[in-house]
Amino acid sequence: MALCLGQVFSKDKTFRPRKRFEPGTQRFELYKRAQASLKSGLNLRKVVQLPDGENINDWIAVHVVDFFNRINLIYGTVSEFCTEKSCPIMSGGPRYEYRWQDGDQYKRPTKLPALIYMNLLMNWIESLINNEDIFPTRVGVPFPKNFQQVCKKILSRLFRVFVHVYIHHFDMICSMGAEAHINTCYKHYYYFISEFSLIDHSELEPLKEMTEKICN
């Protein structure tokens, strides 16, 4: 019997603590607006479009943090089945392998088990979105000139989580009855990155068939 979504996507299974927006800030208001649009059943292609009069970097920042939270939750549901034994390499099937490089601890692309890769990835993203110099939260503080490039890198790496989950753990997702939820999350992500050209579409090749099936 499929579990209800409340059981599948519980806060206890979140891979990382959720990043929250401060109430009263412009970004919090944008986040509430985006969430209201999602829940209203509007076409996802329209939901991702920049609202009139809003700053594109604020809109991107809100979505990067939201996708970080949502994808954390998705991976958290399968992380207990994603072990160093079951997934000794961070990959998306036999054709795609992802190696970790952060310029710090891993100065060269390094082959790692998926679970370790995910830990490093989420730590890396969390450090960026908590960095006031990159994701400023104070009123009047501008975004850095390379802000969108940083977000492109974050979203590109988050895509790899979708790849791994869809290709290696989708049977488990289906057995939980969570297929529709994850498909909706992926559609939202895909429409957003497409709307603002945030990922080179060649990077989306591992999920090309899945994307054509659920996003067109």
N, C-alpha and C. Protein backbone atom coordinates (compact mmCIF):
# COMPACT_ATOMS: atom_id res chain seq x y z
N MET A 1 0.85 -1.20 0.00
CA MET A 1 0.00 0.00 0.00
C MET A 1 0.88 1.24 0.00
N ALA A 2 0.55 2.20 -0.84
CA ALA A 2 1.34 3.43 -0.90
C ALA A 2 1.14 4.24 0.36
N LEU A 3 2.21 4.83 0.85
CA LEU A 3 2.12 5.69 2.00
C LEU A 3 1.56 7.04 1.57
N CYS A 4 0.96 7.78 2.51
CA CYS A 4 0.49 9.12 2.17
C CYS A 4 1.70 10.04 2.07
N LEU A 5 1.57 11.13 1.32
CA LEU A 5 2.70 12.02 1.10
C LEU A 5 3.20 12.63 2.40
N GLY A 6 2.32 12.81 3.36
CA GLY A 6 2.75 13.36 4.64
C GLY A 6 3.74 12.44 5.34
N GLN A 7 3.57 11.12 5.14
CA GLN A 7 4.51 10.16 5.71
C GLN A 7 5.80 10.09 4.90
N VAL A 8 5.67 10.14 3.59
CA VAL A 8 6.84 10.02 2.72
C VAL A 8 7.74 11.23 2.85
N PHE A 9 7.14 12.43 2.75
CA PHE A 9 7.93 13.65 2.79
C PHE A 9 7.82 14.33 4.14
N SER A 10 8.22 13.62 5.19
CA SER A 10 8.18 14.18 6.52
C SER A 10 9.43 15.00 6.78
N LYS A 11 9.33 15.95 7.71
CA LYS A 11 10.47 16.80 8.04
C LYS A 11 11.63 15.97 8.60
N ASP A 12 11.31 14.83 9.21
CA ASP A 12 12.36 13.99 9.78
C ASP A 12 13.27 13.42 8.72
N LYS A 13 12.76 13.34 7.48
CA LYS A 13 13.55 12.75 6.41
C LYS A 13 14.31 13.78 5.57
N THR A 14 14.18 15.05 5.93
CA THR A 14 14.90 16.08 5.19
C THR A 14 16.38 15.82 5.32
N PHE A 15 17.09 15.81 4.21
CA PHE A 15 18.52 15.49 4.21
C PHE A 15 19.32 16.57 4.93
N ARG A 16 18.87 17.81 4.83
CA ARG A 16 19.49 18.94 5.50
C ARG A 16 18.39 19.82 6.10
N PRO A 17 18.71 20.57 7.18
CA PRO A 17 17.70 21.50 7.72
C PRO A 17 17.25 22.47 6.64
N ARG A 18 15.96 22.80 6.65
CA ARG A 18 15.42 23.70 5.64
C ARG A 18 15.94 25.12 5.83
N LYS A 19 16.31 25.74 4.71
CA LYS A 19 16.69 27.15 4.71
C LYS A 19 15.40 27.95 4.63
N ARG A 20 15.22 28.90 5.55
CA ARG A 20 13.98 29.66 5.59
C ARG A 20 14.23 31.13 5.27
N PHE A 21 13.17 31.81 4.82
CA PHE A 21 13.23 33.23 4.54
C PHE A 21 12.73 33.99 5.76
N GLU A 22 13.36 35.13 6.03
CA GLU A 22 12.95 35.94 7.18
C GLU A 22 11.62 36.63 6.90
N PRO A 23 10.61 36.42 7.77
CA PRO A 23 9.33 37.11 7.60
C PRO A 23 9.52 38.63 7.55
N GLY A 24 8.75 39.26 6.69
CA GLY A 24 8.83 40.71 6.58
C GLY A 24 9.78 41.20 5.50
N THR A 25 10.58 40.29 4.95
CA THR A 25 11.52 40.69 3.89
C THR A 25 10.86 40.54 2.53
N GLN A 26 11.42 41.24 1.54
CA GLN A 26 10.91 41.15 0.18
C GLN A 26 10.97 39.72 -0.33
N ARG A 27 12.04 39.03 0.02
CA ARG A 27 12.20 37.67 -0.47
C ARG A 27 11.16 36.72 0.15
N PHE A 28 10.82 36.97 1.40
CA PHE A 28 9.77 36.18 2.05
C PHE A 28 8.43 36.39 1.34
N GLU A 29 8.15 37.63 0.97
CA GLU A 29 6.90 37.93 0.27
C GLU A 29 6.88 37.28 -1.10
N LEU A 30 8.01 37.29 -1.80
CA LEU A 30 8.10 36.63 -3.10
C LEU A 30 7.92 35.13 -2.96
N TYR A 31 8.50 34.58 -1.91
CA TYR A 31 8.38 33.15 -1.65
C TYR A 31 6.91 32.78 -1.42
N LYS A 32 6.21 33.57 -0.59
CA LYS A 32 4.79 33.29 -0.33
C LYS A 32 3.97 33.39 -1.62
N ARG A 33 4.34 34.37 -2.43
CA ARG A 33 3.62 34.55 -3.70
C ARG A 33 3.83 33.36 -4.62
N ALA A 34 5.08 32.89 -4.70
CA ALA A 34 5.38 31.74 -5.55
C ALA A 34 4.67 30.49 -5.04
N GLN A 35 4.66 30.30 -3.72
CA GLN A 35 4.01 29.12 -3.14
C GLN A 35 2.49 29.16 -3.37
N ALA A 36 1.90 30.36 -3.26
CA ALA A 36 0.47 30.50 -3.48
C ALA A 36 0.11 30.15 -4.93
N SER A 37 0.97 30.57 -5.86
CA SER A 37 0.74 30.27 -7.27
C SER A 37 0.83 28.77 -7.53
N LEU A 38 1.79 28.12 -6.87
CA LEU A 38 1.94 26.67 -7.03
C LEU A 38 0.70 25.94 -6.54
N LYS A 39 0.20 26.36 -5.39
CA LYS A 39 -0.94 25.68 -4.79
C LYS A 39 -2.26 25.99 -5.49
N SER A 40 -2.26 27.03 -6.29
CA SER A 40 -3.50 27.44 -6.95
C SER A 40 -3.84 26.57 -8.16
N GLY A 41 -2.85 25.76 -8.58
CA GLY A 41 -3.08 24.90 -9.73
C GLY A 41 -2.81 25.58 -11.06
N LEU A 42 -2.17 26.75 -11.02
CA LEU A 42 -1.83 27.44 -12.25
C LEU A 42 -0.85 26.62 -13.08
N ASN A 43 -0.82 26.88 -14.37
CA ASN A 43 0.14 26.24 -15.26
C ASN A 43 1.55 26.55 -14.77
N LEU A 44 2.37 25.51 -14.58
CA LEU A 44 3.71 25.72 -14.04
C LEU A 44 4.58 26.60 -14.94
N ARG A 45 4.31 26.58 -16.23
CA ARG A 45 5.07 27.44 -17.14
C ARG A 45 4.83 28.92 -16.80
N LYS A 46 3.61 29.23 -16.35
CA LYS A 46 3.29 30.61 -16.00
C LYS A 46 3.76 30.94 -14.59
N VAL A 47 3.73 29.95 -13.70
CA VAL A 47 4.13 30.16 -12.31
C VAL A 47 5.57 30.65 -12.21
N VAL A 48 6.46 30.15 -13.09
CA VAL A 48 7.88 30.49 -12.98
C VAL A 48 8.22 31.85 -13.57
N GLN A 49 7.31 32.45 -14.30
CA GLN A 49 7.61 33.72 -14.96
C GLN A 49 7.81 34.84 -13.93
N LEU A 50 8.71 35.75 -14.24
CA LEU A 50 9.02 36.86 -13.33
C LEU A 50 7.82 37.78 -13.18
N PRO A 51 7.35 37.99 -11.94
CA PRO A 51 6.21 38.90 -11.73
C PRO A 51 6.58 40.33 -12.16
N ASP A 52 5.62 41.05 -12.63
CA ASP A 52 5.85 42.43 -13.04
C ASP A 52 6.44 43.26 -11.90
N GLY A 53 7.48 44.01 -12.24
CA GLY A 53 8.07 44.92 -11.27
C GLY A 53 9.04 44.31 -10.29
N GLU A 54 9.27 43.00 -10.38
CA GLU A 54 10.17 42.34 -9.43
C GLU A 54 11.58 42.19 -10.00
N ASN A 55 12.54 42.14 -9.11
CA ASN A 55 13.95 42.00 -9.48
C ASN A 55 14.25 40.55 -9.82
N ILE A 56 14.88 40.33 -10.97
CA ILE A 56 15.12 38.96 -11.40
C ILE A 56 16.03 38.20 -10.45
N ASN A 57 17.01 38.88 -9.85
CA ASN A 57 17.92 38.18 -8.94
C ASN A 57 17.21 37.74 -7.66
N ASP A 58 16.28 38.58 -7.18
CA ASP A 58 15.47 38.16 -6.02
C ASP A 58 14.64 36.93 -6.37
N TRP A 59 14.06 36.93 -7.55
CA TRP A 59 13.22 35.81 -8.00
C TRP A 59 14.04 34.53 -8.13
N ILE A 60 15.23 34.66 -8.68
CA ILE A 60 16.12 33.50 -8.82
C ILE A 60 16.55 33.01 -7.44
N ALA A 61 16.90 33.93 -6.56
CA ALA A 61 17.35 33.55 -5.21
C ALA A 61 16.27 32.77 -4.47
N VAL A 62 15.04 33.25 -4.54
CA VAL A 62 13.91 32.57 -3.88
C VAL A 62 13.78 31.14 -4.40
N HIS A 63 13.88 30.97 -5.71
CA HIS A 63 13.71 29.64 -6.29
C HIS A 63 14.90 28.72 -6.03
N VAL A 64 16.09 29.26 -6.03
CA VAL A 64 17.26 28.42 -5.73
C VAL A 64 17.14 27.84 -4.33
N VAL A 65 16.77 28.68 -3.37
CA VAL A 65 16.61 28.20 -1.99
C VAL A 65 15.46 27.20 -1.89
N ASP A 66 14.36 27.48 -2.58
CA ASP A 66 13.21 26.58 -2.55
C ASP A 66 13.55 25.23 -3.17
N PHE A 67 14.24 25.25 -4.30
CA PHE A 67 14.63 23.98 -4.93
C PHE A 67 15.62 23.22 -4.05
N PHE A 68 16.51 23.94 -3.39
CA PHE A 68 17.44 23.30 -2.46
C PHE A 68 16.65 22.55 -1.38
N ASN A 69 15.65 23.21 -0.81
CA ASN A 69 14.82 22.57 0.22
C ASN A 69 14.06 21.37 -0.31
N ARG A 70 13.43 21.54 -1.47
CA ARG A 70 12.60 20.47 -2.03
C ARG A 70 13.43 19.26 -2.45
N ILE A 71 14.55 19.51 -3.08
CA ILE A 71 15.38 18.40 -3.55
C ILE A 71 16.05 17.70 -2.38
N ASN A 72 16.38 18.48 -1.33
CA ASN A 72 16.84 17.87 -0.09
C ASN A 72 15.84 16.86 0.43
N LEU A 73 14.57 17.28 0.43
CA LEU A 73 13.49 16.43 0.94
C LEU A 73 13.34 15.18 0.09
N ILE A 74 13.43 15.35 -1.22
CA ILE A 74 13.32 14.20 -2.12
C ILE A 74 14.45 13.20 -1.87
N TYR A 75 15.68 13.70 -1.80
CA TYR A 75 16.79 12.77 -1.57
C TYR A 75 16.69 12.14 -0.18
N GLY A 76 16.20 12.93 0.79
CA GLY A 76 16.06 12.39 2.14
C GLY A 76 15.15 11.18 2.21
N THR A 77 14.18 11.09 1.29
CA THR A 77 13.26 9.95 1.30
C THR A 77 13.93 8.65 0.86
N VAL A 78 15.01 8.77 0.09
CA VAL A 78 15.67 7.56 -0.43
C VAL A 78 17.08 7.38 0.11
N SER A 79 17.55 8.33 0.92
CA SER A 79 18.96 8.30 1.35
C SER A 79 19.31 7.03 2.13
N GLU A 80 18.35 6.46 2.86
CA GLU A 80 18.67 5.24 3.62
C GLU A 80 18.90 4.04 2.69
N PHE A 81 18.43 4.14 1.45
CA PHE A 81 18.65 3.07 0.47
C PHE A 81 19.83 3.38 -0.45
N CYS A 82 20.36 4.59 -0.33
CA CYS A 82 21.48 5.03 -1.16
C CYS A 82 22.75 4.90 -0.33
N THR A 83 23.30 3.72 -0.30
CA THR A 83 24.46 3.44 0.54
C THR A 83 25.74 3.35 -0.29
N GLU A 84 26.86 3.29 0.39
CA GLU A 84 28.14 3.15 -0.33
C GLU A 84 28.20 1.81 -1.06
N LYS A 85 27.43 0.84 -0.57
CA LYS A 85 27.40 -0.47 -1.22
C LYS A 85 26.47 -0.47 -2.43
N SER A 86 25.27 0.12 -2.27
CA SER A 86 24.30 0.11 -3.37
C SER A 86 24.65 1.10 -4.47
N CYS A 87 25.27 2.22 -4.09
CA CYS A 87 25.62 3.28 -5.05
C CYS A 87 27.07 3.70 -4.83
N PRO A 88 28.02 2.85 -5.20
CA PRO A 88 29.44 3.14 -4.93
C PRO A 88 30.00 4.31 -5.74
N ILE A 89 29.25 4.73 -6.77
CA ILE A 89 29.66 5.86 -7.60
C ILE A 89 28.47 6.79 -7.78
N MET A 90 28.70 8.08 -7.70
CA MET A 90 27.64 9.05 -7.98
C MET A 90 27.43 9.05 -9.49
N SER A 91 26.31 8.50 -9.92
CA SER A 91 26.10 8.34 -11.35
C SER A 91 24.62 8.42 -11.71
N GLY A 92 24.39 8.39 -13.03
CA GLY A 92 23.05 8.32 -13.57
C GLY A 92 23.04 7.23 -14.61
N GLY A 93 23.07 5.99 -14.13
CA GLY A 93 23.19 4.87 -15.05
C GLY A 93 24.63 4.69 -15.51
N PRO A 94 24.87 3.78 -16.45
CA PRO A 94 26.24 3.48 -16.88
C PRO A 94 26.88 4.57 -17.74
N ARG A 95 26.06 5.48 -18.29
CA ARG A 95 26.60 6.48 -19.22
C ARG A 95 27.05 7.77 -18.55
N TYR A 96 26.54 8.03 -17.37
CA TYR A 96 26.82 9.33 -16.74
C TYR A 96 27.39 9.14 -15.34
N GLU A 97 28.56 9.72 -15.13
CA GLU A 97 29.23 9.65 -13.84
C GLU A 97 29.60 11.07 -13.40
N TYR A 98 29.30 11.39 -12.16
CA TYR A 98 29.58 12.72 -11.65
C TYR A 98 30.69 12.65 -10.60
N ARG A 99 31.73 13.45 -10.79
CA ARG A 99 32.84 13.49 -9.85
C ARG A 99 32.82 14.81 -9.10
N TRP A 100 33.27 14.78 -7.86
CA TRP A 100 33.20 15.97 -7.02
C TRP A 100 34.51 16.77 -7.06
N GLN A 101 34.35 18.09 -7.21
CA GLN A 101 35.47 19.01 -7.14
C GLN A 101 34.97 20.30 -6.51
N ASP A 102 35.67 20.78 -5.48
CA ASP A 102 35.25 22.02 -4.83
C ASP A 102 36.38 23.03 -4.71
N GLY A 103 37.57 22.67 -5.22
CA GLY A 103 38.69 23.59 -5.17
C GLY A 103 39.30 23.73 -3.79
N ASP A 104 38.77 22.99 -2.83
CA ASP A 104 39.26 23.06 -1.45
C ASP A 104 39.75 21.69 -1.01
N GLN A 105 38.82 20.89 -0.48
CA GLN A 105 39.20 19.54 -0.05
C GLN A 105 39.45 18.63 -1.25
N TYR A 106 38.68 18.87 -2.30
CA TYR A 106 38.82 18.07 -3.53
C TYR A 106 39.21 19.01 -4.67
N LYS A 107 40.50 19.11 -4.89
CA LYS A 107 40.99 20.05 -5.89
C LYS A 107 40.88 19.50 -7.30
N ARG A 108 40.77 18.19 -7.42
CA ARG A 108 40.58 17.56 -8.73
C ARG A 108 39.28 16.77 -8.72
N PRO A 109 38.64 16.60 -9.89
CA PRO A 109 37.42 15.79 -9.95
C PRO A 109 37.67 14.40 -9.36
N THR A 110 36.86 14.04 -8.35
CA THR A 110 37.10 12.81 -7.59
C THR A 110 35.87 11.92 -7.61
N LYS A 111 36.09 10.65 -7.91
CA LYS A 111 35.01 9.67 -7.91
C LYS A 111 34.65 9.31 -6.48
N LEU A 112 33.35 9.42 -6.16
CA LEU A 112 32.89 9.18 -4.79
C LEU A 112 31.58 8.41 -4.79
N PRO A 113 31.28 7.69 -3.69
CA PRO A 113 29.95 7.08 -3.55
C PRO A 113 28.89 8.18 -3.57
N ALA A 114 27.70 7.85 -4.05
CA ALA A 114 26.64 8.85 -4.19
C ALA A 114 26.32 9.54 -2.86
N LEU A 115 26.24 8.79 -1.76
CA LEU A 115 25.87 9.36 -0.48
C LEU A 115 26.88 10.41 -0.03
N ILE A 116 28.16 10.13 -0.21
CA ILE A 116 29.20 11.09 0.17
C ILE A 116 29.14 12.31 -0.74
N TYR A 117 28.94 12.06 -2.02
CA TYR A 117 28.80 13.16 -2.98
C TYR A 117 27.64 14.07 -2.57
N MET A 118 26.51 13.47 -2.21
CA MET A 118 25.34 14.26 -1.83
C MET A 118 25.62 15.10 -0.59
N ASN A 119 26.30 14.51 0.38
CA ASN A 119 26.65 15.26 1.59
C ASN A 119 27.51 16.47 1.26
N LEU A 120 28.51 16.26 0.43
CA LEU A 120 29.39 17.35 0.03
C LEU A 120 28.64 18.41 -0.76
N LEU A 121 27.77 17.95 -1.64
CA LEU A 121 26.99 18.87 -2.46
C LEU A 121 26.09 19.75 -1.60
N MET A 122 25.35 19.14 -0.67
CA MET A 122 24.43 19.91 0.15
C MET A 122 25.17 20.86 1.10
N ASN A 123 26.32 20.43 1.61
CA ASN A 123 27.14 21.32 2.44
C ASN A 123 27.61 22.52 1.63
N TRP A 124 28.03 22.26 0.41
CA TRP A 124 28.54 23.31 -0.48
C TRP A 124 27.44 24.33 -0.80
N ILE A 125 26.25 23.83 -1.15
CA ILE A 125 25.15 24.74 -1.47
C ILE A 125 24.72 25.52 -0.23
N GLU A 126 24.64 24.84 0.90
CA GLU A 126 24.22 25.49 2.13
C GLU A 126 25.18 26.63 2.50
N SER A 127 26.48 26.39 2.29
CA SER A 127 27.47 27.44 2.61
C SER A 127 27.30 28.65 1.69
N LEU A 128 26.89 28.42 0.45
CA LEU A 128 26.69 29.52 -0.49
C LEU A 128 25.43 30.33 -0.16
N ILE A 129 24.31 29.64 0.10
CA ILE A 129 23.07 30.38 0.33
C ILE A 129 23.06 31.05 1.70
N ASN A 130 23.97 30.64 2.59
CA ASN A 130 24.10 31.30 3.89
C ASN A 130 25.16 32.40 3.87
N ASN A 131 25.81 32.59 2.73
CA ASN A 131 26.87 33.59 2.59
C ASN A 131 26.24 34.93 2.19
N GLU A 132 26.29 35.89 3.08
CA GLU A 132 25.66 37.19 2.83
C GLU A 132 26.27 37.93 1.64
N ASP A 133 27.51 37.60 1.31
CA ASP A 133 28.14 38.25 0.16
C ASP A 133 27.59 37.73 -1.16
N ILE A 134 26.99 36.54 -1.13
CA ILE A 134 26.43 35.94 -2.36
C ILE A 134 24.92 36.03 -2.38
N PHE A 135 24.29 35.68 -1.26
CA PHE A 135 22.83 35.77 -1.12
C PHE A 135 22.51 36.81 -0.04
N PRO A 136 22.65 38.10 -0.36
CA PRO A 136 22.41 39.13 0.66
C PRO A 136 20.94 39.17 1.09
N THR A 137 20.73 39.34 2.37
CA THR A 137 19.36 39.40 2.89
C THR A 137 19.01 40.79 3.41
N ARG A 138 20.00 41.65 3.61
CA ARG A 138 19.75 42.99 4.13
C ARG A 138 19.24 43.90 3.02
N VAL A 139 18.26 44.72 3.35
CA VAL A 139 17.67 45.65 2.39
C VAL A 139 18.73 46.61 1.87
N GLY A 140 18.77 46.79 0.57
CA GLY A 140 19.69 47.74 -0.04
C GLY A 140 21.04 47.17 -0.40
N VAL A 141 21.33 45.95 0.06
CA VAL A 141 22.61 45.32 -0.28
C VAL A 141 22.47 44.63 -1.64
N PRO A 142 23.28 45.00 -2.62
CA PRO A 142 23.13 44.43 -3.97
C PRO A 142 23.66 43.01 -4.07
N PHE A 143 23.17 42.29 -5.07
CA PHE A 143 23.71 40.97 -5.37
C PHE A 143 25.08 41.14 -6.04
N PRO A 144 25.97 40.18 -5.86
CA PRO A 144 27.27 40.29 -6.54
C PRO A 144 27.09 40.13 -8.05
N LYS A 145 28.07 40.62 -8.79
CA LYS A 145 27.98 40.59 -10.25
C LYS A 145 27.92 39.16 -10.79
N ASN A 146 28.52 38.22 -10.07
CA ASN A 146 28.54 36.82 -10.54
C ASN A 146 27.40 36.00 -9.95
N PHE A 147 26.36 36.66 -9.40
CA PHE A 147 25.30 35.94 -8.70
C PHE A 147 24.64 34.89 -9.58
N GLN A 148 24.26 35.26 -10.78
CA GLN A 148 23.57 34.30 -11.64
C GLN A 148 24.48 33.14 -12.05
N GLN A 149 25.77 33.41 -12.19
CA GLN A 149 26.70 32.32 -12.51
C GLN A 149 26.78 31.32 -11.36
N VAL A 150 26.77 31.84 -10.13
CA VAL A 150 26.78 30.96 -8.95
C VAL A 150 25.50 30.12 -8.93
N CYS A 151 24.37 30.76 -9.22
CA CYS A 151 23.10 30.03 -9.20
C CYS A 151 23.03 28.98 -10.30
N LYS A 152 23.60 29.28 -11.45
CA LYS A 152 23.65 28.30 -12.52
C LYS A 152 24.42 27.06 -12.07
N LYS A 153 25.51 27.28 -11.35
CA LYS A 153 26.31 26.15 -10.86
C LYS A 153 25.53 25.34 -9.83
N ILE A 154 24.84 26.03 -8.93
CA ILE A 154 24.03 25.33 -7.92
C ILE A 154 22.94 24.51 -8.59
N LEU A 155 22.21 25.11 -9.51
CA LEU A 155 21.09 24.42 -10.16
C LEU A 155 21.58 23.27 -11.02
N SER A 156 22.73 23.42 -11.64
CA SER A 156 23.32 22.35 -12.44
C SER A 156 23.64 21.14 -11.57
N ARG A 157 24.19 21.40 -10.40
CA ARG A 157 24.54 20.30 -9.51
C ARG A 157 23.30 19.69 -8.85
N LEU A 158 22.29 20.50 -8.58
CA LEU A 158 21.04 19.95 -8.05
C LEU A 158 20.37 19.03 -9.07
N PHE A 159 20.54 19.34 -10.33
CA PHE A 159 19.98 18.48 -11.37
C PHE A 159 20.53 17.06 -11.25
N ARG A 160 21.76 16.94 -10.84
CA ARG A 160 22.39 15.62 -10.71
C ARG A 160 21.68 14.77 -9.66
N VAL A 161 21.07 15.43 -8.67
CA VAL A 161 20.30 14.69 -7.67
C VAL A 161 19.08 14.07 -8.33
N PHE A 162 18.39 14.85 -9.15
CA PHE A 162 17.25 14.31 -9.91
C PHE A 162 17.70 13.12 -10.75
N VAL A 163 18.82 13.26 -11.43
CA VAL A 163 19.33 12.19 -12.30
C VAL A 163 19.52 10.91 -11.49
N HIS A 164 20.20 11.03 -10.37
CA HIS A 164 20.50 9.84 -9.57
C HIS A 164 19.23 9.21 -9.01
N VAL A 165 18.33 10.05 -8.49
CA VAL A 165 17.10 9.52 -7.90
C VAL A 165 16.22 8.87 -8.95
N TYR A 166 16.04 9.52 -10.09
CA TYR A 166 15.19 8.96 -11.14
C TYR A 166 15.76 7.64 -11.69
N ILE A 167 17.05 7.59 -11.90
CA ILE A 167 17.64 6.42 -12.55
C ILE A 167 17.92 5.27 -11.58
N HIS A 168 18.30 5.59 -10.35
CA HIS A 168 18.71 4.53 -9.42
C HIS A 168 17.70 4.22 -8.31
N HIS A 169 16.78 5.15 -8.03
CA HIS A 169 15.89 4.94 -6.89
C HIS A 169 14.42 5.16 -7.23
N PHE A 170 14.09 5.19 -8.51
CA PHE A 170 12.72 5.52 -8.89
C PHE A 170 11.74 4.42 -8.48
N ASP A 171 12.17 3.17 -8.49
CA ASP A 171 11.29 2.08 -8.05
C ASP A 171 10.86 2.30 -6.60
N MET A 172 11.80 2.76 -5.78
CA MET A 172 11.48 3.03 -4.38
C MET A 172 10.52 4.20 -4.26
N ILE A 173 10.73 5.22 -5.07
CA ILE A 173 9.83 6.37 -5.08
C ILE A 173 8.42 5.93 -5.44
N CYS A 174 8.32 5.08 -6.45
CA CYS A 174 7.01 4.60 -6.90
C CYS A 174 6.35 3.75 -5.82
N SER A 175 7.13 2.92 -5.14
CA SER A 175 6.57 2.06 -4.10
C SER A 175 6.03 2.88 -2.93
N MET A 176 6.55 4.09 -2.76
CA MET A 176 6.06 5.00 -1.71
C MET A 176 4.83 5.78 -2.16
N GLY A 177 4.51 5.69 -3.43
CA GLY A 177 3.39 6.45 -3.96
C GLY A 177 3.72 7.91 -4.17
N ALA A 178 5.01 8.22 -4.36
CA ALA A 178 5.46 9.62 -4.43
C ALA A 178 5.84 10.04 -5.85
N GLU A 179 5.57 9.21 -6.83
CA GLU A 179 5.97 9.51 -8.21
C GLU A 179 5.42 10.84 -8.70
N ALA A 180 4.13 11.08 -8.50
CA ALA A 180 3.50 12.30 -9.01
C ALA A 180 4.11 13.54 -8.35
N HIS A 181 4.40 13.45 -7.07
CA HIS A 181 4.96 14.59 -6.34
C HIS A 181 6.34 14.94 -6.89
N ILE A 182 7.17 13.93 -7.11
CA ILE A 182 8.53 14.20 -7.60
C ILE A 182 8.49 14.68 -9.04
N ASN A 183 7.58 14.14 -9.83
CA ASN A 183 7.44 14.61 -11.21
C ASN A 183 7.05 16.09 -11.24
N THR A 184 6.15 16.49 -10.35
CA THR A 184 5.74 17.89 -10.29
C THR A 184 6.90 18.79 -9.88
N CYS A 185 7.68 18.34 -8.91
CA CYS A 185 8.85 19.10 -8.47
C CYS A 185 9.85 19.26 -9.62
N TYR A 186 10.04 18.17 -10.37
CA TYR A 186 10.98 18.23 -11.48
C TYR A 186 10.46 19.16 -12.58
N LYS A 187 9.18 19.09 -12.86
CA LYS A 187 8.58 19.98 -13.87
C LYS A 187 8.78 21.44 -13.47
N HIS A 188 8.52 21.75 -12.22
CA HIS A 188 8.69 23.11 -11.72
C HIS A 188 10.14 23.56 -11.92
N TYR A 189 11.06 22.70 -11.53
CA TYR A 189 12.49 22.99 -11.69
C TYR A 189 12.84 23.18 -13.17
N TYR A 190 12.38 22.27 -14.02
CA TYR A 190 12.71 22.32 -15.44
C TYR A 190 12.17 23.57 -16.10
N TYR A 191 10.93 23.93 -15.81
CA TYR A 191 10.34 25.12 -16.42
C TYR A 191 11.07 26.38 -15.95
N PHE A 192 11.51 26.37 -14.69
CA PHE A 192 12.22 27.55 -14.17
C PHE A 192 13.57 27.73 -14.85
N ILE A 193 14.38 26.68 -14.90
CA ILE A 193 15.70 26.82 -15.52
C ILE A 193 15.58 27.12 -17.01
N SER A 194 14.51 26.63 -17.64
CA SER A 194 14.30 26.90 -19.06
C SER A 194 13.87 28.36 -19.28
N GLU A 195 13.01 28.86 -18.40
CA GLU A 195 12.50 30.23 -18.52
C GLU A 195 13.64 31.25 -18.49
N PHE A 196 14.64 30.99 -17.66
CA PHE A 196 15.73 31.96 -17.49
C PHE A 196 17.07 31.47 -18.03
N SER A 197 17.05 30.39 -18.81
CA SER A 197 18.26 29.84 -19.46
C SER A 197 19.39 29.65 -18.43
N LEU A 198 19.08 28.95 -17.35
CA LEU A 198 20.03 28.80 -16.25
C LEU A 198 20.89 27.55 -16.35
N ILE A 199 20.57 26.66 -17.29
CA ILE A 199 21.40 25.48 -17.50
C ILE A 199 21.50 25.22 -18.99
N ASP A 200 22.69 24.90 -19.43
CA ASP A 200 22.88 24.48 -20.82
C ASP A 200 22.10 23.18 -21.02
N HIS A 201 21.25 23.14 -22.02
CA HIS A 201 20.38 21.98 -22.20
C HIS A 201 21.16 20.69 -22.50
N SER A 202 22.41 20.79 -22.89
CA SER A 202 23.22 19.58 -23.09
C SER A 202 23.42 18.85 -21.76
N GLU A 203 23.39 19.59 -20.65
CA GLU A 203 23.56 18.98 -19.33
C GLU A 203 22.34 18.19 -18.91
N LEU A 204 21.21 18.44 -19.57
CA LEU A 204 19.96 17.76 -19.21
C LEU A 204 19.78 16.43 -19.95
N GLU A 205 20.75 16.07 -20.74
CA GLU A 205 20.66 14.88 -21.57
C GLU A 205 20.34 13.60 -20.79
N PRO A 206 20.88 13.40 -19.58
CA PRO A 206 20.59 12.15 -18.85
C PRO A 206 19.10 11.89 -18.60
N LEU A 207 18.31 12.96 -18.51
CA LEU A 207 16.87 12.80 -18.27
C LEU A 207 16.04 13.26 -19.46
N LYS A 208 16.62 13.19 -20.63
CA LYS A 208 15.94 13.68 -21.84
C LYS A 208 14.59 12.98 -22.04
N GLU A 209 14.57 11.66 -21.96
CA GLU A 209 13.33 10.92 -22.17
C GLU A 209 12.30 11.24 -21.09
N MET A 210 12.74 11.30 -19.85
CA MET A 210 11.84 11.62 -18.74
C MET A 210 11.28 13.03 -18.92
N THR A 211 12.12 13.96 -19.32
CA THR A 211 11.70 15.34 -19.50
C THR A 211 10.65 15.45 -20.60
N GLU A 212 10.89 14.76 -21.70
CA GLU A 212 9.93 14.78 -22.81
C GLU A 212 8.60 14.16 -22.41
N LYS A 213 8.67 13.18 -21.52
CA LYS A 213 7.46 12.48 -21.08
C LYS A 213 6.60 13.33 -20.17
N ILE A 214 7.22 14.04 -19.23
CA ILE A 214 6.42 14.72 -18.20
C ILE A 214 6.37 16.24 -18.35
N CYS A 215 7.23 16.81 -19.21
CA CYS A 215 7.28 18.28 -19.30
C CYS A 215 6.76 18.84 -20.61
N ASN A 216 6.42 17.99 -21.56
CA ASN A 216 5.95 18.49 -22.85
C ASN A 216 4.46 18.18 -23.08
